Amino acid sequence: MKQYELTIHPNADLVCAGKIIEACCAVEGLRVSLRSSLKRFPGSKHWHFKLGDNPGTLEITLWQRRLWCSVRKGRTGPWIDRVQRKVCRSVEAQLTAR
């Protein structure tokens, strides 16, 4: 599994983080294919994002003040690295601005 930790500004207000994450992903053409919580991280918010009918799933998880993107083995796609970098930069910028 590949994982990338996003930097959250210490003063960032995470109340709107879910909306920011989904909006930043939508700008890149991603759609939510799953919204849930991870049993391993109680109270977490977890998303699966897909790009049209292309293979691959980008997962994003927010738990407490930790935010990360991951791609599991078998869920890779040629678009993920490029889009993940853009989404991560955008989410970090939006959370810093709040």
Protein backbone atom coordinates (compact mmCIF):
# COMPACT_ATOMS: atom_id res chain seq x y z
CA MET A 1 0.00 0.00 0.00
CA LYS A 2 1.21 3.49 -0.86
CA GLN A 3 0.35 6.18 1.65
CA TYR A 4 0.82 9.95 1.71
CA GLU A 5 0.33 12.07 4.83
CA LEU A 6 -1.12 15.52 4.30
CA THR A 7 0.08 18.45 6.38
CA ILE A 8 -2.63 20.05 8.47
CA HIS A 9 -1.92 23.53 9.79
CA PRO A 10 -2.13 23.51 13.63
CA ASN A 11 -4.86 26.17 13.55
CA ALA A 12 -6.89 24.56 10.76
CA ASP A 13 -10.60 24.23 11.46
CA LEU A 14 -11.51 20.70 10.42
CA VAL A 15 -15.28 21.17 10.74
CA CYS A 16 -15.57 21.66 6.95
CA ALA A 17 -12.74 19.25 6.06
CA GLY A 18 -15.08 16.66 4.53
CA LYS A 19 -16.66 19.20 2.21
CA ILE A 20 -13.23 20.57 1.28
CA ILE A 21 -11.90 17.09 0.48
CA GLU A 22 -14.89 16.22 -1.67
CA ALA A 23 -14.80 19.59 -3.47
CA CYS A 24 -11.07 19.33 -4.23
CA CYS A 25 -11.57 15.82 -5.58
CA ALA A 26 -14.54 16.92 -7.70
CA VAL A 27 -12.41 19.63 -9.33
CA GLU A 28 -10.12 16.82 -10.57
CA GLY A 29 -13.09 14.87 -11.92
CA LEU A 30 -13.23 12.34 -9.09
CA ARG A 31 -16.47 10.91 -7.77
CA VAL A 32 -17.17 9.48 -4.34
CA SER A 33 -17.74 5.74 -4.57
CA LEU A 34 -17.80 5.14 -0.79
CA ARG A 35 -18.18 7.20 2.39
CA SER A 36 -17.58 5.35 5.63
CA SER A 37 -15.51 5.07 8.77
CA LEU A 38 -12.60 2.73 9.44
CA LYS A 39 -13.04 0.33 12.33
CA ARG A 40 -9.33 0.64 13.08
CA PHE A 41 -9.74 4.43 13.53
CA PRO A 42 -12.95 5.02 15.52
CA GLY A 43 -14.72 8.22 14.51
CA SER A 44 -12.73 8.54 11.29
CA LYS A 45 -14.12 9.74 7.98
CA HIS A 46 -13.05 7.63 5.03
CA TRP A 47 -13.69 8.04 1.31
CA HIS A 48 -13.05 6.06 -1.85
CA PHE A 49 -12.69 8.17 -5.00
CA LYS A 50 -12.76 6.96 -8.59
CA LEU A 51 -12.10 8.66 -11.91
CA GLY A 52 -14.93 7.75 -14.25
CA ASP A 53 -14.76 4.10 -15.26
CA ASN A 54 -10.95 4.02 -15.05
CA PRO A 55 -9.35 1.34 -12.88
CA GLY A 56 -8.07 2.45 -9.50
CA THR A 57 -9.30 3.84 -6.22
CA LEU A 58 -7.87 6.74 -4.25
CA GLU A 59 -8.68 6.47 -0.54
CA ILE A 60 -8.64 9.47 1.79
CA THR A 61 -8.98 9.21 5.55
CA LEU A 62 -9.44 11.89 8.21
CA TRP A 63 -9.02 10.86 11.80
CA GLN A 64 -8.68 13.34 14.63
CA ARG A 65 -6.03 15.76 13.26
CA ARG A 66 -4.47 13.27 10.88
CA LEU A 67 -5.26 13.21 7.15
CA TRP A 68 -3.84 10.79 4.59
CA CYS A 69 -4.31 9.40 1.09
CA SER A 70 -3.68 5.78 0.28
CA VAL A 71 -3.76 3.39 -2.63
CA ARG A 72 -4.02 -0.30 -1.84
CA LYS A 73 -2.38 -3.03 -3.84
CA GLY A 74 -4.76 -4.12 -6.57
CA ARG A 75 -6.52 -0.74 -6.63
CA THR A 76 -3.92 1.19 -8.59
CA GLY A 77 -4.57 3.10 -11.77
CA PRO A 78 -2.48 5.19 -14.16
CA TRP A 79 -4.26 8.40 -13.11
CA ILE A 80 -3.78 8.11 -9.35
CA ASP A 81 -0.27 9.54 -8.84
CA ARG A 82 -0.97 12.64 -10.93
CA VAL A 83 -4.39 13.32 -9.43
CA GLN A 84 -3.36 12.50 -5.86
CA ARG A 85 -0.61 15.15 -5.93
CA LYS A 86 -3.06 17.80 -7.16
CA VAL A 87 -5.76 16.85 -4.66
CA CYS A 88 -3.32 16.79 -1.74
CA ARG A 89 -1.90 20.22 -2.57
CA SER A 90 -5.38 21.65 -2.99
CA VAL A 91 -6.73 20.17 0.26
CA GLU A 92 -3.67 21.34 2.22
CA ALA A 93 -4.05 24.87 0.81
CA GLN A 94 -7.78 24.99 1.55
CA LEU A 95 -7.34 23.75 5.11
CA THR A 96 -4.50 26.23 5.73
CA ALA A 97 -6.69 29.09 4.50
CA ARG A 98 -9.32 28.35 7.14
